[in-house]
Amino acid sequence: MKLTNNFTTDELKCPCCGNCEMGHTFMDNLQELREWCSFPFKINSGWRCVEHNKKVSSNSRGQHTTGQACDVAIDNRYRRAKLLHGALKMGTFKDIAVAKTFIHLGYGNQNQGIGIY
């Protein structure tokens, strides 16, 4: 099922239970970023049930469990820079973390801001 023009429940569902409860506004913002970037990107992790989140994250109140975050797999450094630039320019993603193989986008804890893993 399509969540937006470019994203489906299949790519954002929990790998544990198969549910997908992504926030509508979050998905609208992710779609806007996708259009701004003008290239497709793969989602590593979208919505997570509480049980799956416990297995993969130390954050028990993570945004993935509320449908307000995703991890974007991106290994091309130029596309990585463009995605990061677009996310910062939009101003809606307040929790942006750059890891070696992905960029985490979320609404986040305003106190934590932007991080690098």
PDB file of N, CA and C in Angstrom:
ATOM      1  N   MET A   1       0.837  -1.184   0.000  1.00  0.00           N
ATOM      2  CA  MET A   1       0.000   0.000   0.000  1.00  0.00           C
ATOM      3  C   MET A   1       0.885   1.251   0.000  1.00  0.00           C
ATOM      4  N   LYS A   2       0.511   2.219  -0.819  1.00  0.00           N
ATOM      5  CA  LYS A   2       1.271   3.464  -0.900  1.00  0.00           C
ATOM      6  C   LYS A   2       0.965   4.371   0.291  1.00  0.00           C
ATOM      7  N   LEU A   3       2.030   4.893   0.891  1.00  0.00           N
ATOM      8  CA  LEU A   3       1.890   5.897   1.942  1.00  0.00           C
ATOM      9  C   LEU A   3       2.006   7.298   1.341  1.00  0.00           C
ATOM     10  N   THR A   4       2.881   7.413   0.330  1.00  0.00           N
ATOM     11  CA  THR A   4       3.064   8.656  -0.421  1.00  0.00           C
ATOM     12  C   THR A   4       3.345   8.252  -1.863  1.00  0.00           C
ATOM     13  N   ASN A   5       3.661   9.212  -2.702  1.00  0.00           N
ATOM     14  CA  ASN A   5       3.975   8.896  -4.097  1.00  0.00           C
ATOM     15  C   ASN A   5       5.160   7.948  -4.240  1.00  0.00           C
ATOM     16  N   ASN A   6       6.132   8.037  -3.326  1.00  0.00           N
ATOM     17  CA  ASN A   6       7.350   7.259  -3.471  1.00  0.00           C
ATOM     18  C   ASN A   6       7.616   6.241  -2.362  1.00  0.00           C
ATOM     19  N   PHE A   7       6.766   6.157  -1.366  1.00  0.00           N
ATOM     20  CA  PHE A   7       7.015   5.245  -0.253  1.00  0.00           C
ATOM     21  C   PHE A   7       5.800   4.360   0.019  1.00  0.00           C
ATOM     22  N   THR A   8       6.097   3.085   0.319  1.00  0.00           N
ATOM     23  CA  THR A   8       5.034   2.109   0.578  1.00  0.00           C
ATOM     24  C   THR A   8       5.157   1.559   1.998  1.00  0.00           C
ATOM     25  N   THR A   9       4.090   0.930   2.449  1.00  0.00           N
ATOM     26  CA  THR A   9       4.120   0.296   3.771  1.00  0.00           C
ATOM     27  C   THR A   9       5.151  -0.824   3.796  1.00  0.00           C
ATOM     28  N   ASP A  10       5.358  -1.509   2.676  1.00  0.00           N
ATOM     29  CA  ASP A  10       6.323  -2.614   2.641  1.00  0.00           C
ATOM     30  C   ASP A  10       7.732  -2.175   3.032  1.00  0.00           C
ATOM     31  N   GLU A  11       8.140  -0.988   2.618  1.00  0.00           N
ATOM     32  CA  GLU A  11       9.500  -0.555   2.933  1.00  0.00           C
ATOM     33  C   GLU A  11       9.624   0.106   4.300  1.00  0.00           C
ATOM     34  N   LEU A  12       8.510   0.458   4.918  1.00  0.00           N
ATOM     35  CA  LEU A  12       8.556   1.127   6.221  1.00  0.00           C
ATOM     36  C   LEU A  12       7.986   0.288   7.361  1.00  0.00           C
ATOM     37  N   LYS A  13       7.525  -0.918   7.067  1.00  0.00           N
ATOM     38  CA  LYS A  13       6.904  -1.760   8.096  1.00  0.00           C
ATOM     39  C   LYS A  13       7.944  -2.383   9.021  1.00  0.00           C
ATOM     40  N   CYS A  14       7.491  -2.766  10.186  1.00  0.00           N
ATOM     41  CA  CYS A  14       8.347  -3.434  11.165  1.00  0.00           C
ATOM     42  C   CYS A  14       8.708  -4.825  10.644  1.00  0.00           C
ATOM     43  N   PRO A  15       9.990  -5.180  10.649  1.00  0.00           N
ATOM     44  CA  PRO A  15      10.384  -6.504  10.163  1.00  0.00           C
ATOM     45  C   PRO A  15       9.946  -7.627  11.095  1.00  0.00           C
ATOM     46  N   CYS A  16       9.604  -7.283  12.299  1.00  0.00           N
ATOM     47  CA  CYS A  16       9.200  -8.263  13.309  1.00  0.00           C
ATOM     48  C   CYS A  16       7.738  -8.687  13.137  1.00  0.00           C
ATOM     49  N   CYS A  17       6.843  -7.711  13.104  1.00  0.00           N
ATOM     50  CA  CYS A  17       5.403  -8.010  13.100  1.00  0.00           C
ATOM     51  C   CYS A  17       4.705  -7.637  11.791  1.00  0.00           C
ATOM     52  N   GLY A  18       5.356  -6.821  10.957  1.00  0.00           N
ATOM     53  CA  GLY A  18       4.771  -6.421   9.686  1.00  0.00           C
ATOM     54  C   GLY A  18       3.827  -5.238   9.760  1.00  0.00           C
ATOM     55  N   ASN A  19       3.620  -4.675  10.949  1.00  0.00           N
ATOM     56  CA  ASN A  19       2.764  -3.496  11.077  1.00  0.00           C
ATOM     57  C   ASN A  19       3.513  -2.250  10.614  1.00  0.00           C
ATOM     58  N   CYS A  20       2.735  -1.254  10.216  1.00  0.00           N
ATOM     59  CA  CYS A  20       3.313   0.016   9.780  1.00  0.00           C
ATOM     60  C   CYS A  20       2.401   1.136  10.250  1.00  0.00           C
ATOM     61  N   GLU A  21       2.876   1.903  11.218  1.00  0.00           N
ATOM     62  CA  GLU A  21       2.071   2.984  11.782  1.00  0.00           C
ATOM     63  C   GLU A  21       2.826   4.311  11.692  1.00  0.00           C
ATOM     64  N   MET A  22       3.309   4.607  10.502  1.00  0.00           N
ATOM     65  CA  MET A  22       4.039   5.857  10.296  1.00  0.00           C
ATOM     66  C   MET A  22       3.083   7.041  10.376  1.00  0.00           C
ATOM     67  N   GLY A  23       3.575   8.142  10.952  1.00  0.00           N
ATOM     68  CA  GLY A  23       2.778   9.354  11.054  1.00  0.00           C
ATOM     69  C   GLY A  23       2.556   9.990   9.695  1.00  0.00           C
ATOM     70  N   HIS A  24       1.357  10.490   9.471  1.00  0.00           N
ATOM     71  CA  HIS A  24       1.018  11.081   8.169  1.00  0.00           C
ATOM     72  C   HIS A  24       1.852  12.331   7.875  1.00  0.00           C
ATOM     73  N   THR A  25       2.009  13.193   8.856  1.00  0.00           N
ATOM     74  CA  THR A  25       2.783  14.411   8.649  1.00  0.00           C
ATOM     75  C   THR A  25       4.246  14.067   8.415  1.00  0.00           C
ATOM     76  N   PHE A  26       4.758  13.093   9.168  1.00  0.00           N
ATOM     77  CA  PHE A  26       6.141  12.663   8.957  1.00  0.00           C
ATOM     78  C   PHE A  26       6.329  12.173   7.527  1.00  0.00           C
ATOM     79  N   MET A  27       5.409  11.366   7.051  1.00  0.00           N
ATOM     80  CA  MET A  27       5.513  10.831   5.690  1.00  0.00           C
ATOM     81  C   MET A  27       5.391  11.937   4.647  1.00  0.00           C
ATOM     82  N   ASP A  28       4.537  12.927   4.888  1.00  0.00           N
ATOM     83  CA  ASP A  28       4.446  14.076   3.970  1.00  0.00           C
ATOM     84  C   ASP A  28       5.791  14.800   3.890  1.00  0.00           C
ATOM     85  N   ASN A  29       6.447  14.963   5.051  1.00  0.00           N
ATOM     86  CA  ASN A  29       7.753  15.629   5.073  1.00  0.00           C
ATOM     87  C   ASN A  29       8.830  14.780   4.400  1.00  0.00           C
ATOM     88  N   LEU A  30       8.790  13.473   4.599  1.00  0.00           N
ATOM     89  CA  LEU A  30       9.746  12.584   3.945  1.00  0.00           C
ATOM     90  C   LEU A  30       9.567  12.625   2.428  1.00  0.00           C
ATOM     91  N   GLN A  31       8.323  12.662   1.989  1.00  0.00           N
ATOM     92  CA  GLN A  31       8.038  12.758   0.553  1.00  0.00           C
ATOM     93  C   GLN A  31       8.552  14.083  -0.008  1.00  0.00           C
ATOM     94  N   GLU A  32       8.356  15.150   0.735  1.00  0.00           N
ATOM     95  CA  GLU A  32       8.857  16.462   0.301  1.00  0.00           C
ATOM     96  C   GLU A  32      10.377  16.435   0.151  1.00  0.00           C
ATOM     97  N   LEU A  33      11.059  15.794   1.092  1.00  0.00           N
ATOM     98  CA  LEU A  33      12.511  15.669   1.013  1.00  0.00           C
ATOM     99  C   LEU A  33      12.916  14.837  -0.201  1.00  0.00           C
ATOM    100  N   ARG A  34      12.199  13.754  -0.448  1.00  0.00           N
ATOM    101  CA  ARG A  34      12.476  12.887  -1.611  1.00  0.00           C
ATOM    102  C   ARG A  34      12.354  13.681  -2.909  1.00  0.00           C
ATOM    103  N   GLU A  35      11.325  14.493  -3.022  1.00  0.00           N
ATOM    104  CA  GLU A  35      11.127  15.298  -4.223  1.00  0.00           C
ATOM    105  C   GLU A  35      12.215  16.358  -4.363  1.00  0.00           C
ATOM    106  N   TRP A  36      12.611  16.959  -3.246  1.00  0.00           N
ATOM    107  CA  TRP A  36      13.660  17.971  -3.271  1.00  0.00           C
ATOM    108  C   TRP A  36      14.984  17.354  -3.715  1.00  0.00           C
ATOM    109  N   CYS A  37      15.285  16.150  -3.244  1.00  0.00           N
ATOM    110  CA  CYS A  37      16.537  15.470  -3.597  1.00  0.00           C
ATOM    111  C   CYS A  37      16.567  15.043  -5.064  1.00  0.00           C
ATOM    112  N   SER A  38      15.440  14.733  -5.627  1.00  0.00           N
ATOM    113  CA  SER A  38      15.334  14.276  -7.017  1.00  0.00           C
ATOM    114  C   SER A  38      16.054  12.958  -7.286  1.00  0.00           C
ATOM    115  N   PHE A  39      16.171  12.128  -6.263  1.00  0.00           N
ATOM    116  CA  PHE A  39      16.681  10.772  -6.443  1.00  0.00           C
ATOM    117  C   PHE A  39      16.012   9.860  -5.409  1.00  0.00           C
ATOM    118  N   PRO A  40      15.858   8.590  -5.763  1.00  0.00           N
ATOM    119  CA  PRO A  40      15.234   7.663  -4.808  1.00  0.00           C
ATOM    120  C   PRO A  40      16.190   7.317  -3.675  1.00  0.00           C
ATOM    121  N   PHE A  41      15.629   7.006  -2.518  1.00  0.00           N
ATOM    122  CA  PHE A  41      16.462   6.486  -1.441  1.00  0.00           C
ATOM    123  C   PHE A  41      15.727   5.371  -0.707  1.00  0.00           C
ATOM    124  N   LYS A  42      16.520   4.449  -0.191  1.00  0.00           N
ATOM    125  CA  LYS A  42      16.007   3.247   0.472  1.00  0.00           C
ATOM    126  C   LYS A  42      15.894   3.491   1.971  1.00  0.00           C
ATOM    127  N   ILE A  43      14.802   3.008   2.532  1.00  0.00           N
ATOM    128  CA  ILE A  43      14.602   3.108   3.969  1.00  0.00           C
ATOM    129  C   ILE A  43      15.126   1.828   4.626  1.00  0.00           C
ATOM    130  N   ASN A  44      16.098   1.973   5.526  1.00  0.00           N
ATOM    131  CA  ASN A  44      16.625   0.832   6.296  1.00  0.00           C
ATOM    132  C   ASN A  44      15.668   0.423   7.392  1.00  0.00           C
ATOM    133  N   SER A  45      15.112   1.418   8.055  1.00  0.00           N
ATOM    134  CA  SER A  45      14.262   1.165   9.204  1.00  0.00           C
ATOM    135  C   SER A  45      13.219   2.265   9.307  1.00  0.00           C
ATOM    136  N   GLY A  46      11.978   1.858   9.352  1.00  0.00           N
ATOM    137  CA  GLY A  46      10.872   2.809   9.515  1.00  0.00           C
ATOM    138  C   GLY A  46      10.198   2.571  10.845  1.00  0.00           C
ATOM    139  N   TRP A  47       8.944   2.163  10.786  1.00  0.00           N
ATOM    140  CA  TRP A  47       8.198   1.916  12.013  1.00  0.00           C
ATOM    141  C   TRP A  47       8.678   0.629  12.686  1.00  0.00           C
ATOM    142  N   ARG A  48       8.770   0.658  14.015  1.00  0.00           N
ATOM    143  CA  ARG A  48       9.163  -0.517  14.794  1.00  0.00           C
ATOM    144  C   ARG A  48       8.173  -0.748  15.920  1.00  0.00           C
ATOM    145  N   CYS A  49       7.785  -2.012  16.109  1.00  0.00           N
ATOM    146  CA  CYS A  49       6.984  -2.338  17.280  1.00  0.00           C
ATOM    147  C   CYS A  49       7.908  -2.276  18.502  1.00  0.00           C
ATOM    148  N   VAL A  50       7.343  -2.191  19.685  1.00  0.00           N
ATOM    149  CA  VAL A  50       8.129  -2.056  20.913  1.00  0.00           C
ATOM    150  C   VAL A  50       9.099  -3.226  21.071  1.00  0.00           C
ATOM    151  N   GLU A  51       8.638  -4.437  20.760  1.00  0.00           N
ATOM    152  CA  GLU A  51       9.489  -5.621  20.918  1.00  0.00           C
ATOM    153  C   GLU A  51      10.708  -5.550  19.989  1.00  0.00           C
ATOM    154  N   HIS A  52      10.482  -5.189  18.732  1.00  0.00           N
ATOM    155  CA  HIS A  52      11.605  -5.098  17.793  1.00  0.00           C
ATOM    156  C   HIS A  52      12.534  -3.959  18.188  1.00  0.00           C
ATOM    157  N   ASN A  53      11.974  -2.854  18.619  1.00  0.00           N
ATOM    158  CA  ASN A  53      12.798  -1.713  19.013  1.00  0.00           C
ATOM    159  C   ASN A  53      13.737  -2.087  20.160  1.00  0.00           C
ATOM    160  N   LYS A  54      13.248  -2.905  21.106  1.00  0.00           N
ATOM    161  CA  LYS A  54      14.092  -3.357  22.225  1.00  0.00           C
ATOM    162  C   LYS A  54      15.290  -4.153  21.725  1.00  0.00           C
ATOM    163  N   LYS A  55      15.108  -4.882  20.629  1.00  0.00           N
ATOM    164  CA  LYS A  55      16.189  -5.703  20.082  1.00  0.00           C
ATOM    165  C   LYS A  55      17.259  -4.882  19.372  1.00  0.00           C
ATOM    166  N   VAL A  56      16.869  -3.769  18.766  1.00  0.00           N
ATOM    167  CA  VAL A  56      17.804  -3.019  17.912  1.00  0.00           C
ATOM    168  C   VAL A  56      18.202  -1.648  18.439  1.00  0.00           C
ATOM    169  N   SER A  57      17.594  -1.194  19.527  1.00  0.00           N
ATOM    170  CA  SER A  57      17.871   0.151  20.029  1.00  0.00           C
ATOM    171  C   SER A  57      17.878   0.174  21.548  1.00  0.00           C
ATOM    172  N   SER A  58      18.733   1.011  22.102  1.00  0.00           N
ATOM    173  CA  SER A  58      18.757   1.189  23.558  1.00  0.00           C
ATOM    174  C   SER A  58      17.752   2.250  23.993  1.00  0.00           C
ATOM    175  N   ASN A  59      17.138   2.933  23.039  1.00  0.00           N
ATOM    176  CA  ASN A  59      16.170   3.980  23.337  1.00  0.00           C
ATOM    177  C   ASN A  59      14.769   3.375  23.391  1.00  0.00           C
ATOM    178  N   SER A  60      14.248   3.176  24.571  1.00  0.00           N
ATOM    179  CA  SER A  60      12.938   2.540  24.727  1.00  0.00           C
ATOM    180  C   SER A  60      11.787   3.451  24.292  1.00  0.00           C
ATOM    181  N   ARG A  61      12.043   4.754  24.208  1.00  0.00           N
ATOM    182  CA  ARG A  61      11.007   5.688  23.767  1.00  0.00           C
ATOM    183  C   ARG A  61      11.347   6.260  22.403  1.00  0.00           C
ATOM    184  N   GLY A  62      11.966   5.439  21.570  1.00  0.00           N
ATOM    185  CA  GLY A  62      12.423   5.886  20.263  1.00  0.00           C
ATOM    186  C   GLY A  62      11.306   6.337  19.346  1.00  0.00           C
ATOM    187  N   GLN A  63      11.649   7.242  18.461  1.00  0.00           N
ATOM    188  CA  GLN A  63      10.683   7.809  17.528  1.00  0.00           C
ATOM    189  C   GLN A  63      10.208   6.814  16.486  1.00  0.00           C
ATOM    190  N   HIS A  64      10.994   5.758  16.271  1.00  0.00           N
ATOM    191  CA  HIS A  64      10.569   4.730  15.331  1.00  0.00           C
ATOM    192  C   HIS A  64       9.270   4.071  15.816  1.00  0.00           C
ATOM    193  N   THR A  65       9.097   3.961  17.127  1.00  0.00           N
ATOM    194  CA  THR A  65       7.906   3.302  17.686  1.00  0.00           C
ATOM    195  C   THR A  65       6.666   4.181  17.618  1.00  0.00           C
ATOM    196  N   THR A  66       6.866   5.459  17.303  1.00  0.00           N
ATOM    197  CA  THR A  66       5.715   6.356  17.182  1.00  0.00           C
ATOM    198  C   THR A  66       5.475   6.785  15.734  1.00  0.00           C
ATOM    199  N   GLY A  67       6.271   6.243  14.824  1.00  0.00           N
ATOM    200  CA  GLY A  67       6.111   6.582  13.408  1.00  0.00           C
ATOM    201  C   GLY A  67       6.617   7.955  13.051  1.00  0.00           C
ATOM    202  N   GLN A  68       7.562   8.461  13.841  1.00  0.00           N
ATOM    203  CA  GLN A  68       8.078   9.806  13.629  1.00  0.00           C
ATOM    204  C   GLN A  68       9.556   9.816  13.259  1.00  0.00           C
ATOM    205  N   ALA A  69      10.066   8.672  12.741  1.00  0.00           N
ATOM    206  CA  ALA A  69      11.480   8.605  12.365  1.00  0.00           C
ATOM    207  C   ALA A  69      11.708   7.484  11.366  1.00  0.00           C
ATOM    208  N   CYS A  70      12.806   7.608  10.631  1.00  0.00           N
ATOM    209  CA  CYS A  70      13.255   6.533   9.750  1.00  0.00           C
ATOM    210  C   CYS A  70      14.755   6.663   9.553  1.00  0.00           C
ATOM    211  N   ASP A  71      15.359   5.581   9.112  1.00  0.00           N
ATOM    212  CA  ASP A  71      16.773   5.571   8.772  1.00  0.00           C
ATOM    213  C   ASP A  71      16.883   5.379   7.266  1.00  0.00           C
ATOM    214  N   VAL A  72      17.567   6.292   6.613  1.00  0.00           N
ATOM    215  CA  VAL A  72      17.719   6.262   5.160  1.00  0.00           C
ATOM    216  C   VAL A  72      19.095   5.690   4.813  1.00  0.00           C
ATOM    217  N   ALA A  73      19.105   4.580   4.086  1.00  0.00           N
ATOM    218  CA  ALA A  73      20.364   3.982   3.635  1.00  0.00           C
ATOM    219  C   ALA A  73      20.883   4.796   2.463  1.00  0.00           C
ATOM    220  N   ILE A  74      22.120   5.245   2.580  1.00  0.00           N
ATOM    221  CA  ILE A  74      22.676   6.047   1.487  1.00  0.00           C
ATOM    222  C   ILE A  74      24.192   5.983   1.565  1.00  0.00           C
ATOM    223  N   ASP A  75      24.814   5.476   0.499  1.00  0.00           N
ATOM    224  CA  ASP A  75      26.263   5.305   0.531  1.00  0.00           C
ATOM    225  C   ASP A  75      27.010   6.214  -0.444  1.00  0.00           C
ATOM    226  N   ASN A  76      26.306   6.837  -1.359  1.00  0.00           N
ATOM    227  CA  ASN A  76      26.932   7.778  -2.287  1.00  0.00           C
ATOM    228  C   ASN A  76      27.135   9.103  -1.554  1.00  0.00           C
ATOM    229  N   ARG A  77      28.378   9.551  -1.444  1.00  0.00           N
ATOM    230  CA  ARG A  77      28.662  10.732  -0.621  1.00  0.00           C
ATOM    231  C   ARG A  77      28.013  12.006  -1.142  1.00  0.00           C
ATOM    232  N   TYR A  78      27.815  12.117  -2.424  1.00  0.00           N
ATOM    233  CA  TYR A  78      27.191  13.320  -2.980  1.00  0.00           C
ATOM    234  C   TYR A  78      25.690  13.333  -2.688  1.00  0.00           C
ATOM    235  N   ARG A  79      25.073  12.179  -2.844  1.00  0.00           N
ATOM    236  CA  ARG A  79      23.646  12.080  -2.508  1.00  0.00           C
ATOM    237  C   ARG A  79      23.442  12.228  -1.006  1.00  0.00           C
ATOM    238  N   ARG A  80      24.366  11.700  -0.242  1.00  0.00           N
ATOM    239  CA  ARG A  80      24.316  11.824   1.221  1.00  0.00           C
ATOM    240  C   ARG A  80      24.337  13.297   1.617  1.00  0.00           C
ATOM    241  N   ALA A  81      25.239  14.058   1.000  1.00  0.00           N
ATOM    242  CA  ALA A  81      25.350  15.489   1.286  1.00  0.00           C
ATOM    243  C   ALA A  81      24.078  16.223   0.874  1.00  0.00           C
ATOM    244  N   LYS A  82      23.537  15.861  -0.284  1.00  0.00           N
ATOM    245  CA  LYS A  82      22.320  16.525  -0.764  1.00  0.00           C
ATOM    246  C   LYS A  82      21.136  16.212   0.151  1.00  0.00           C
ATOM    247  N   LEU A  83      21.000  14.953   0.567  1.00  0.00           N
ATOM    248  CA  LEU A  83      19.905  14.583   1.467  1.00  0.00           C
ATOM    249  C   LEU A  83      20.030  15.326   2.792  1.00  0.00           C
ATOM    250  N   LEU A  84      21.229  15.377   3.322  1.00  0.00           N
ATOM    251  CA  LEU A  84      21.464  16.082   4.582  1.00  0.00           C
ATOM    252  C   LEU A  84      21.167  17.574   4.432  1.00  0.00           C
ATOM    253  N   HIS A  85      21.626  18.166   3.347  1.00  0.00           N
ATOM    254  CA  HIS A  85      21.359  19.584   3.079  1.00  0.00           C
ATOM    255  C   HIS A  85      19.848  19.843   3.002  1.00  0.00           C
ATOM    256  N   GLY A  86      19.149  18.988   2.274  1.00  0.00           N
ATOM    257  CA  GLY A  86      17.704  19.156   2.142  1.00  0.00           C
ATOM    258  C   GLY A  86      16.974  19.012   3.464  1.00  0.00           C
ATOM    259  N   ALA A  87      17.375  18.026   4.249  1.00  0.00           N
ATOM    260  CA  ALA A  87      16.731  17.807   5.553  1.00  0.00           C
ATOM    261  C   ALA A  87      16.952  19.003   6.475  1.00  0.00           C
ATOM    262  N   LEU A  88      18.155  19.551   6.466  1.00  0.00           N
ATOM    263  CA  LEU A  88      18.443  20.721   7.295  1.00  0.00           C
ATOM    264  C   LEU A  88      17.697  21.949   6.788  1.00  0.00           C
ATOM    265  N   LYS A  89      17.651  22.108   5.486  1.00  0.00           N
ATOM    266  CA  LYS A  89      16.979  23.261   4.865  1.00  0.00           C
ATOM    267  C   LYS A  89      15.480  23.261   5.172  1.00  0.00           C
ATOM    268  N   MET A  90      14.874  22.069   5.162  1.00  0.00           N
ATOM    269  CA  MET A  90      13.441  21.975   5.435  1.00  0.00           C
ATOM    270  C   MET A  90      13.107  22.446   6.839  1.00  0.00           C
ATOM    271  N   GLY A  91      13.961  22.104   7.792  1.00  0.00           N
ATOM    272  CA  GLY A  91      13.748  22.533   9.169  1.00  0.00           C
ATOM    273  C   GLY A  91      12.728  21.727   9.949  1.00  0.00           C
ATOM    274  N   THR A  92      12.119  20.726   9.337  1.00  0.00           N
ATOM    275  CA  THR A  92      11.101  19.939  10.041  1.00  0.00           C
ATOM    276  C   THR A  92      11.709  18.757  10.800  1.00  0.00           C
ATOM    277  N   PHE A  93      12.838  18.262  10.317  1.00  0.00           N
ATOM    278  CA  PHE A  93      13.500  17.148  10.989  1.00  0.00           C
ATOM    279  C   PHE A  93      14.447  17.740  12.035  1.00  0.00           C
ATOM    280  N   LYS A  94      14.102  17.597  13.302  1.00  0.00           N
ATOM    281  CA  LYS A  94      14.896  18.183  14.380  1.00  0.00           C
ATOM    282  C   LYS A  94      15.900  17.186  14.949  1.00  0.00           C
ATOM    283  N   ASP A  95      15.740  15.916  14.622  1.00  0.00           N
ATOM    284  CA  ASP A  95      16.660  14.878  15.089  1.00  0.00           C
ATOM    285  C   ASP A  95      17.289  14.232  13.857  1.00  0.00           C
ATOM    286  N   ILE A  96      18.471  14.692  13.502  1.00  0.00           N
ATOM    287  CA  ILE A  96      19.193  14.174  12.343  1.00  0.00           C
ATOM    288  C   ILE A  96      20.503  13.611  12.852  1.00  0.00           C
ATOM    289  N   ALA A  97      20.733  12.340  12.560  1.00  0.00           N
ATOM    290  CA  ALA A  97      21.977  11.704  12.991  1.00  0.00           C
ATOM    291  C   ALA A  97      22.629  11.054  11.782  1.00  0.00           C
ATOM    292  N   VAL A  98      23.905  11.280  11.633  1.00  0.00           N
ATOM    293  CA  VAL A  98      24.648  10.740  10.504  1.00  0.00           C
ATOM    294  C   VAL A  98      25.482   9.566  10.989  1.00  0.00           C
ATOM    295  N   ALA A  99      25.189   8.399  10.471  1.00  0.00           N
ATOM    296  CA  ALA A  99      25.954   7.192  10.772  1.00  0.00           C
ATOM    297  C   ALA A  99      26.743   6.798   9.534  1.00  0.00           C
ATOM    298  N   LYS A 100      27.514   5.750   9.645  1.00  0.00           N
ATOM    299  CA  LYS A 100      28.381   5.330   8.535  1.00  0.00           C
ATOM    300  C   LYS A 100      27.582   4.898   7.308  1.00  0.00           C
ATOM    301  N   THR A 101      26.462   4.202   7.513  1.00  0.00           N
ATOM    302  CA  THR A 101      25.713   3.648   6.386  1.00  0.00           C
ATOM    303  C   THR A 101      24.308   4.221   6.228  1.00  0.00           C
ATOM    304  N   PHE A 102      23.919   5.122   7.104  1.00  0.00           N
ATOM    305  CA  PHE A 102      22.569   5.673   7.022  1.00  0.00           C
ATOM    306  C   PHE A 102      22.498   7.053   7.653  1.00  0.00           C
ATOM    307  N   ILE A 103      21.393   7.732   7.362  1.00  0.00           N
ATOM    308  CA  ILE A 103      21.066   8.996   8.018  1.00  0.00           C
ATOM    309  C   ILE A 103      19.721   8.813   8.702  1.00  0.00           C
ATOM    310  N   HIS A 104      19.701   9.085   9.997  1.00  0.00           N
ATOM    311  CA  HIS A 104      18.460   9.008  10.779  1.00  0.00           C
ATOM    312  C   HIS A 104      17.752  10.345  10.668  1.00  0.00           C
ATOM    313  N   LEU A 105      16.474  10.287  10.340  1.00  0.00           N
ATOM    314  CA  LEU A 105      15.642  11.495  10.270  1.00  0.00           C
ATOM    315  C   LEU A 105      14.479  11.329  11.230  1.00  0.00           C
ATOM    316  N   GLY A 106      14.294  12.288  12.104  1.00  0.00           N
ATOM    317  CA  GLY A 106      13.178  12.223  13.039  1.00  0.00           C
ATOM    318  C   GLY A 106      12.792  13.605  13.519  1.00  0.00           C
ATOM    319  N   TYR A 107      11.665  13.657  14.199  1.00  0.00           N
ATOM    320  CA  TYR A 107      11.233  14.935  14.766  1.00  0.00           C
ATOM    321  C   TYR A 107      11.967  15.189  16.068  1.00  0.00           C
ATOM    322  N   GLY A 108      12.183  14.128  16.813  1.00  0.00           N
ATOM    323  CA  GLY A 108      13.119  14.104  17.906  1.00  0.00           C
ATOM    324  C   GLY A 108      12.929  14.950  19.116  1.00  0.00           C
ATOM    325  N   ASN A 109      13.869  14.712  19.981  1.00  0.00           N
ATOM    326  CA  ASN A 109      13.992  15.442  21.226  1.00  0.00           C
ATOM    327  C   ASN A 109      14.721  16.743  20.916  1.00  0.00           C
ATOM    328  N   GLN A 110      14.040  17.827  21.055  1.00  0.00           N
ATOM    329  CA  GLN A 110      14.596  19.138  20.696  1.00  0.00           C
ATOM    330  C   GLN A 110      15.904  19.422  21.452  1.00  0.00           C
ATOM    331  N   ASN A 111      16.072  18.825  22.624  1.00  0.00           N
ATOM    332  CA  ASN A 111      17.281  19.066  23.425  1.00  0.00           C
ATOM    333  C   ASN A 111      18.505  18.379  22.854  1.00  0.00           C
ATOM    334  N   GLN A 112      18.294  17.295  22.109  1.00  0.00           N
ATOM    335  CA  GLN A 112      19.437  16.547  21.583  1.00  0.00           C
ATOM    336  C   GLN A 112      19.965  17.135  20.281  1.00  0.00           C
ATOM    337  N   GLY A 113      19.085  17.664  19.455  1.00  0.00           N
ATOM    338  CA  GLY A 113      19.521  18.291  18.224  1.00  0.00           C
ATOM    339  C   GLY A 113      20.087  17.330  17.214  1.00  0.00           C
ATOM    340  N   ILE A 114      21.156  17.726  16.569  1.00  0.00           N
ATOM    341  CA  ILE A 114      21.744  16.973  15.476  1.00  0.00           C
ATOM    342  C   ILE A 114      22.987  16.246  15.991  1.00  0.00           C
ATOM    343  N   GLY A 115      23.142  14.990  15.588  1.00  0.00           N
ATOM    344  CA  GLY A 115      24.272  14.212  16.082  1.00  0.00           C
ATOM    345  C   GLY A 115      24.978  13.444  14.980  1.00  0.00           C
ATOM    346  N   ILE A 116      26.173  13.019  15.297  1.00  0.00           N
ATOM    347  CA  ILE A 116      26.938  12.171  14.383  1.00  0.00           C
ATOM    348  C   ILE A 116      27.335  10.928  15.146  1.00  0.00           C
ATOM    349  N   TYR A 117      27.014   9.758  14.579  1.00  0.00           N
ATOM    350  CA  TYR A 117      27.361   8.486  15.226  1.00  0.00           C
ATOM    351  C   TYR A 117      28.724   8.037  14.777  1.00  0.00           C
TER     352      TYR A 117
END
